[in-house]
């Protein structure tokens, strides 16, 4: 039975766990799910920290990784764990676009960093940055039944940054003037993001 289940996709194997106790014993086996977890994480920009929880089975690791990959609610851990590429959009004033090396094709995109104490920084000698004080806040508001009504990141008093997630589990923060993209770091020791599920 295990050999047959090795030929199935992850969703089909997960459904097999509901057939009976005997089927669950085979379908939930870590030897079956370990390669599925490896396949799931291959090519992803970020690997969720919650996949490091050792008490869980490979099936639960797979399930939590899928749920985390679909999560669009960003946390402080997500912001601080990654370096971010910063680019202006076409709507930004020409003066600012001319300071952006990626616009002029004279260098790589600028980088930005979020810190646990709420500070936001850039690389030294960044022409746009200018050494000013900068802080960030993650804003989340809910409606009565617990659904998220608004969720965005605000830096100083600048326009809010809408949060979105890509298929490779990377993050994008954007408004009409500029955008931040998390830089892939799947090989980062200890992985990234919150240790416990955030939905």
C-alpha atoms as a PDB file:
ATOM      1  CA  UNK A   1       0.000   0.000   0.000  1.00  0.00           C
ATOM      2  CA  UNK A   2       2.857   2.351   0.815  1.00  0.00           C
ATOM      3  CA  UNK A   3       4.413   1.723  -2.607  1.00  0.00           C
ATOM      4  CA  UNK A   4       1.114   2.644  -4.265  1.00  0.00           C
ATOM      5  CA  UNK A   5       0.781   5.806  -2.165  1.00  0.00           C
ATOM      6  CA  UNK A   6       4.273   6.900  -3.226  1.00  0.00           C
ATOM      7  CA  UNK A   7       2.811   7.329  -6.717  1.00  0.00           C
ATOM      8  CA  UNK A   8       0.006   9.619  -5.524  1.00  0.00           C
ATOM      9  CA  UNK A   9       0.120  13.395  -5.123  1.00  0.00           C
ATOM     10  CA  UNK A  10       0.137  14.909  -1.622  1.00  0.00           C
ATOM     11  CA  UNK A  11      -3.571  15.817  -1.629  1.00  0.00           C
ATOM     12  CA  UNK A  12      -4.583  12.252  -2.512  1.00  0.00           C
ATOM     13  CA  UNK A  13      -2.329  10.766   0.169  1.00  0.00           C
ATOM     14  CA  UNK A  14      -3.755  13.188   2.743  1.00  0.00           C
ATOM     15  CA  UNK A  15      -7.268  12.063   1.820  1.00  0.00           C
ATOM     16  CA  UNK A  16      -6.228   8.446   2.390  1.00  0.00           C
ATOM     17  CA  UNK A  17      -5.631   9.249   6.078  1.00  0.00           C
ATOM     18  CA  UNK A  18      -9.401   9.646   6.531  1.00  0.00           C
ATOM     19  CA  UNK A  19     -10.348   6.198   5.174  1.00  0.00           C
ATOM     20  CA  UNK A  20      -9.556   4.117   8.276  1.00  0.00           C
ATOM     21  CA  UNK A  21      -7.016   3.703  11.069  1.00  0.00           C
ATOM     22  CA  UNK A  22      -5.093   1.155   9.034  1.00  0.00           C
ATOM     23  CA  UNK A  23      -4.930   3.462   6.010  1.00  0.00           C
ATOM     24  CA  UNK A  24      -3.931   6.375   8.233  1.00  0.00           C
ATOM     25  CA  UNK A  25      -1.045   4.352   9.635  1.00  0.00           C
ATOM     26  CA  UNK A  26       0.353   4.003   6.126  1.00  0.00           C
ATOM     27  CA  UNK A  27      -0.682   7.365   4.653  1.00  0.00           C
ATOM     28  CA  UNK A  28       0.705   9.424   7.565  1.00  0.00           C
ATOM     29  CA  UNK A  29       4.099   7.697   7.633  1.00  0.00           C
ATOM     30  CA  UNK A  30       7.030  10.132   7.786  1.00  0.00           C
ATOM     31  CA  UNK A  31       8.925   8.078   5.185  1.00  0.00           C
ATOM     32  CA  UNK A  32       6.150   8.884   2.722  1.00  0.00           C
ATOM     33  CA  UNK A  33       5.913  12.581   3.591  1.00  0.00           C
ATOM     34  CA  UNK A  34       9.626  13.454   3.922  1.00  0.00           C
ATOM     35  CA  UNK A  35      10.215  13.489   0.124  1.00  0.00           C
ATOM     36  CA  UNK A  36       6.945  15.362  -0.375  1.00  0.00           C
ATOM     37  CA  UNK A  37       8.125  18.043   2.068  1.00  0.00           C
ATOM     38  CA  UNK A  38      11.447  18.303   0.228  1.00  0.00           C
ATOM     39  CA  UNK A  39       9.632  18.646  -3.108  1.00  0.00           C
ATOM     40  CA  UNK A  40       7.266  21.273  -1.680  1.00  0.00           C
ATOM     41  CA  UNK A  41      10.111  23.443  -0.359  1.00  0.00           C
ATOM     42  CA  UNK A  42      12.274  23.155  -3.486  1.00  0.00           C
ATOM     43  CA  UNK A  43      12.447  26.482  -5.300  1.00  0.00           C
ATOM     44  CA  UNK A  44      10.747  28.454  -2.537  1.00  0.00           C
ATOM     45  CA  UNK A  45      12.152  31.876  -1.624  1.00  0.00           C
ATOM     46  CA  UNK A  46      11.659  31.375   2.118  1.00  0.00           C
ATOM     47  CA  UNK A  47      11.250  28.288   4.291  1.00  0.00           C
ATOM     48  CA  UNK A  48       8.856  28.812   7.242  1.00  0.00           C
ATOM     49  CA  UNK A  49      10.425  28.557  10.696  1.00  0.00           C
ATOM     50  CA  UNK A  50       7.467  26.528  11.956  1.00  0.00           C
ATOM     51  CA  UNK A  51       8.663  23.608   9.785  1.00  0.00           C
ATOM     52  CA  UNK A  52      11.475  23.170  12.335  1.00  0.00           C
ATOM     53  CA  UNK A  53       9.086  22.048  15.085  1.00  0.00           C
ATOM     54  CA  UNK A  54      10.412  18.558  15.861  1.00  0.00           C
ATOM     55  CA  UNK A  55       7.365  17.218  17.685  1.00  0.00           C
ATOM     56  CA  UNK A  56       5.201  17.279  14.588  1.00  0.00           C
ATOM     57  CA  UNK A  57       4.955  14.610  11.904  1.00  0.00           C
ATOM     58  CA  UNK A  58       6.084  15.241   8.331  1.00  0.00           C
ATOM     59  CA  UNK A  59       2.410  15.318   7.353  1.00  0.00           C
ATOM     60  CA  UNK A  60       1.742  18.151   9.819  1.00  0.00           C
ATOM     61  CA  UNK A  61       4.931  19.918   8.664  1.00  0.00           C
ATOM     62  CA  UNK A  62       3.692  19.725   5.076  1.00  0.00           C
ATOM     63  CA  UNK A  63       0.227  20.995   6.036  1.00  0.00           C
ATOM     64  CA  UNK A  64       1.581  23.888   8.121  1.00  0.00           C
ATOM     65  CA  UNK A  65       4.023  24.866   5.345  1.00  0.00           C
ATOM     66  CA  UNK A  66       1.163  24.976   2.814  1.00  0.00           C
ATOM     67  CA  UNK A  67      -0.941  27.118   5.150  1.00  0.00           C
ATOM     68  CA  UNK A  68       1.985  29.436   5.924  1.00  0.00           C
ATOM     69  CA  UNK A  69       2.758  29.805   2.216  1.00  0.00           C
ATOM     70  CA  UNK A  70      -0.791  31.058   1.647  1.00  0.00           C
ATOM     71  CA  UNK A  71      -0.622  33.468   4.573  1.00  0.00           C
ATOM     72  CA  UNK A  72      -0.848  37.123   3.537  1.00  0.00           C
ATOM     73  CA  UNK A  73      -0.651  38.530   7.077  1.00  0.00           C
ATOM     74  CA  UNK A  74       2.941  39.637   7.563  1.00  0.00           C
ATOM     75  CA  UNK A  75       4.553  39.693  11.003  1.00  0.00           C
ATOM     76  CA  UNK A  76       7.487  41.563  12.494  1.00  0.00           C
ATOM     77  CA  UNK A  77       9.477  38.315  12.274  1.00  0.00           C
ATOM     78  CA  UNK A  78       8.836  38.141   8.524  1.00  0.00           C
ATOM     79  CA  UNK A  79       9.955  41.744   8.060  1.00  0.00           C
ATOM     80  CA  UNK A  80      13.096  41.402  10.181  1.00  0.00           C
ATOM     81  CA  UNK A  81      14.204  37.997   8.911  1.00  0.00           C
ATOM     82  CA  UNK A  82      14.696  39.135   5.303  1.00  0.00           C
ATOM     83  CA  UNK A  83      16.688  41.711   3.403  1.00  0.00           C
ATOM     84  CA  UNK A  84      14.469  43.656   0.995  1.00  0.00           C
ATOM     85  CA  UNK A  85      14.991  45.055  -2.501  1.00  0.00           C
ATOM     86  CA  UNK A  86      13.601  48.579  -2.813  1.00  0.00           C
ATOM     87  CA  UNK A  87      12.505  50.068  -6.159  1.00  0.00           C
ATOM     88  CA  UNK A  88      10.515  53.062  -7.282  1.00  0.00           C
ATOM     89  CA  UNK A  89       7.511  52.655  -9.577  1.00  0.00           C
ATOM     90  CA  UNK A  90       6.840  54.665 -12.739  1.00  0.00           C
ATOM     91  CA  UNK A  91       4.503  56.897 -10.700  1.00  0.00           C
ATOM     92  CA  UNK A  92       7.391  58.128  -8.510  1.00  0.00           C
ATOM     93  CA  UNK A  93       8.811  61.581  -9.373  1.00  0.00           C
ATOM     94  CA  UNK A  94      11.625  61.474 -11.920  1.00  0.00           C
ATOM     95  CA  UNK A  95      14.071  62.961  -9.410  1.00  0.00           C
ATOM     96  CA  UNK A  96      13.688  59.903  -7.150  1.00  0.00           C
ATOM     97  CA  UNK A  97      13.749  57.421 -10.024  1.00  0.00           C
ATOM     98  CA  UNK A  98      17.050  58.912 -11.178  1.00  0.00           C
ATOM     99  CA  UNK A  99      18.554  58.096  -7.771  1.00  0.00           C
ATOM    100  CA  UNK A 100      17.504  54.450  -8.136  1.00  0.00           C
ATOM    101  CA  UNK A 101      20.355  52.456  -9.768  1.00  0.00           C
ATOM    102  CA  UNK A 102      17.958  49.724 -10.929  1.00  0.00           C
ATOM    103  CA  UNK A 103      15.980  52.331 -12.926  1.00  0.00           C
ATOM    104  CA  UNK A 104      19.126  53.597 -14.638  1.00  0.00           C
ATOM    105  CA  UNK A 105      20.564  50.064 -15.040  1.00  0.00           C
ATOM    106  CA  UNK A 106      23.757  51.220 -13.338  1.00  0.00           C
ATOM    107  CA  UNK A 107      23.582  48.834 -10.403  1.00  0.00           C
ATOM    108  CA  UNK A 108      21.484  46.402  -8.382  1.00  0.00           C
ATOM    109  CA  UNK A 109      18.299  47.475  -6.592  1.00  0.00           C
ATOM    110  CA  UNK A 110      18.661  49.367  -3.328  1.00  0.00           C
ATOM    111  CA  UNK A 111      18.278  47.342  -0.131  1.00  0.00           C
ATOM    112  CA  UNK A 112      16.246  47.992   2.983  1.00  0.00           C
ATOM    113  CA  UNK A 113      16.236  46.313   6.402  1.00  0.00           C
ATOM    114  CA  UNK A 114      13.633  46.061   9.165  1.00  0.00           C
ATOM    115  CA  UNK A 115      14.835  45.704  12.768  1.00  0.00           C
ATOM    116  CA  UNK A 116      13.041  44.206  15.810  1.00  0.00           C
ATOM    117  CA  UNK A 117      13.101  47.543  17.664  1.00  0.00           C
ATOM    118  CA  UNK A 118      10.950  49.147  14.931  1.00  0.00           C
ATOM    119  CA  UNK A 119      13.848  50.855  13.171  1.00  0.00           C
ATOM    120  CA  UNK A 120      14.131  50.750   9.387  1.00  0.00           C
ATOM    121  CA  UNK A 121      17.492  51.177   7.637  1.00  0.00           C
ATOM    122  CA  UNK A 122      19.361  51.077   4.322  1.00  0.00           C
ATOM    123  CA  UNK A 123      22.872  50.336   3.107  1.00  0.00           C
ATOM    124  CA  UNK A 124      25.543  52.982   3.783  1.00  0.00           C
ATOM    125  CA  UNK A 125      25.894  55.638   1.058  1.00  0.00           C
ATOM    126  CA  UNK A 126      22.371  55.003  -0.255  1.00  0.00           C
ATOM    127  CA  UNK A 127      21.549  58.147  -2.265  1.00  0.00           C
ATOM    128  CA  UNK A 128      17.815  57.931  -1.560  1.00  0.00           C
ATOM    129  CA  UNK A 129      18.119  57.166   2.133  1.00  0.00           C
ATOM    130  CA  UNK A 130      19.990  60.267   3.226  1.00  0.00           C
ATOM    131  CA  UNK A 131      20.472  59.057   6.821  1.00  0.00           C
ATOM    132  CA  UNK A 132      17.067  60.179   8.126  1.00  0.00           C
ATOM    133  CA  UNK A 133      15.270  58.591  11.079  1.00  0.00           C
ATOM    134  CA  UNK A 134      12.871  55.917   9.968  1.00  0.00           C
ATOM    135  CA  UNK A 135      10.497  53.583  11.824  1.00  0.00           C
ATOM    136  CA  UNK A 136       7.848  51.105  10.739  1.00  0.00           C
ATOM    137  CA  UNK A 137       4.594  49.692  12.077  1.00  0.00           C
ATOM    138  CA  UNK A 138       2.510  46.677  11.053  1.00  0.00           C
ATOM    139  CA  UNK A 139      -1.181  47.624  11.109  1.00  0.00           C
ATOM    140  CA  UNK A 140      -3.925  44.975  11.247  1.00  0.00           C
ATOM    141  CA  UNK A 141      -7.596  45.625  11.916  1.00  0.00           C
ATOM    142  CA  UNK A 142     -10.352  43.033  12.163  1.00  0.00           C
ATOM    143  CA  UNK A 143     -14.092  42.945  11.574  1.00  0.00           C
ATOM    144  CA  UNK A 144     -16.477  41.419  14.107  1.00  0.00           C
ATOM    145  CA  UNK A 145     -16.126  37.777  13.022  1.00  0.00           C
ATOM    146  CA  UNK A 146     -12.322  37.792  13.193  1.00  0.00           C
ATOM    147  CA  UNK A 147     -11.677  38.385   9.495  1.00  0.00           C
ATOM    148  CA  UNK A 148      -8.950  40.870   8.579  1.00  0.00           C
ATOM    149  CA  UNK A 149     -10.379  44.156   7.346  1.00  0.00           C
ATOM    150  CA  UNK A 150      -7.114  46.008   6.763  1.00  0.00           C
ATOM    151  CA  UNK A 151      -3.513  44.896   6.832  1.00  0.00           C
ATOM    152  CA  UNK A 152      -0.552  47.016   5.795  1.00  0.00           C
ATOM    153  CA  UNK A 153       2.917  48.199   6.758  1.00  0.00           C
ATOM    154  CA  UNK A 154       3.534  51.894   7.367  1.00  0.00           C
ATOM    155  CA  UNK A 155       6.957  53.515   7.323  1.00  0.00           C
ATOM    156  CA  UNK A 156       7.035  56.886   9.081  1.00  0.00           C
ATOM    157  CA  UNK A 157       4.051  58.837   7.738  1.00  0.00           C
ATOM    158  CA  UNK A 158       4.533  57.747   4.141  1.00  0.00           C
ATOM    159  CA  UNK A 159       1.764  56.044   2.140  1.00  0.00           C
ATOM    160  CA  UNK A 160       0.792  52.597   3.503  1.00  0.00           C
ATOM    161  CA  UNK A 161       2.357  49.526   1.898  1.00  0.00           C
ATOM    162  CA  UNK A 162      -0.058  46.815   0.795  1.00  0.00           C
ATOM    163  CA  UNK A 163       1.119  43.302   1.702  1.00  0.00           C
ATOM    164  CA  UNK A 164       1.018  40.465  -0.841  1.00  0.00           C
ATOM    165  CA  UNK A 165       2.521  37.006  -1.239  1.00  0.00           C
ATOM    166  CA  UNK A 166       3.914  35.348  -4.367  1.00  0.00           C
ATOM    167  CA  UNK A 167       3.755  31.702  -5.448  1.00  0.00           C
ATOM    168  CA  UNK A 168       7.366  31.147  -4.328  1.00  0.00           C
ATOM    169  CA  UNK A 169       6.358  32.317  -0.798  1.00  0.00           C
ATOM    170  CA  UNK A 170       8.242  35.603  -1.112  1.00  0.00           C
ATOM    171  CA  UNK A 171       6.684  38.864   0.091  1.00  0.00           C
ATOM    172  CA  UNK A 172       5.923  42.162  -1.626  1.00  0.00           C
ATOM    173  CA  UNK A 173       5.094  45.463   0.061  1.00  0.00           C
ATOM    174  CA  UNK A 174       3.870  48.081  -2.376  1.00  0.00           C
ATOM    175  CA  UNK A 175       2.119  51.376  -2.920  1.00  0.00           C
ATOM    176  CA  UNK A 176       1.813  53.665  -5.945  1.00  0.00           C
ATOM    177  CA  UNK A 177       5.319  55.135  -5.465  1.00  0.00           C
ATOM    178  CA  UNK A 178       7.630  52.263  -4.502  1.00  0.00           C
ATOM    179  CA  UNK A 179       7.778  48.590  -3.648  1.00  0.00           C
ATOM    180  CA  UNK A 180       9.763  46.224  -1.441  1.00  0.00           C
ATOM    181  CA  UNK A 181      10.464  42.606  -2.429  1.00  0.00           C
ATOM    182  CA  UNK A 182      11.886  40.107   0.044  1.00  0.00           C
ATOM    183  CA  UNK A 183      15.172  38.651  -1.172  1.00  0.00           C
ATOM    184  CA  UNK A 184      15.143  34.828  -1.412  1.00  0.00           C
ATOM    185  CA  UNK A 185      16.942  33.168   1.507  1.00  0.00           C
ATOM    186  CA  UNK A 186      15.739  29.546   1.507  1.00  0.00           C
ATOM    187  CA  UNK A 187      19.138  28.389   2.735  1.00  0.00           C
ATOM    188  CA  UNK A 188      19.043  30.634   5.810  1.00  0.00           C
ATOM    189  CA  UNK A 189      19.890  28.700   8.974  1.00  0.00           C
ATOM    190  CA  UNK A 190      16.911  28.513  11.294  1.00  0.00           C
ATOM    191  CA  UNK A 191      14.500  29.430   8.470  1.00  0.00           C
ATOM    192  CA  UNK A 192      12.313  32.545   8.636  1.00  0.00           C
ATOM    193  CA  UNK A 193       9.018  33.924   9.890  1.00  0.00           C
ATOM    194  CA  UNK A 194       7.060  33.193  13.068  1.00  0.00           C
ATOM    195  CA  UNK A 195       7.672  29.955  14.959  1.00  0.00           C
ATOM    196  CA  UNK A 196       3.965  29.423  15.617  1.00  0.00           C
ATOM    197  CA  UNK A 197       1.128  29.560  13.052  1.00  0.00           C
ATOM    198  CA  UNK A 198      -0.320  32.985  12.217  1.00  0.00           C
ATOM    199  CA  UNK A 199      -3.449  32.918  10.052  1.00  0.00           C
END
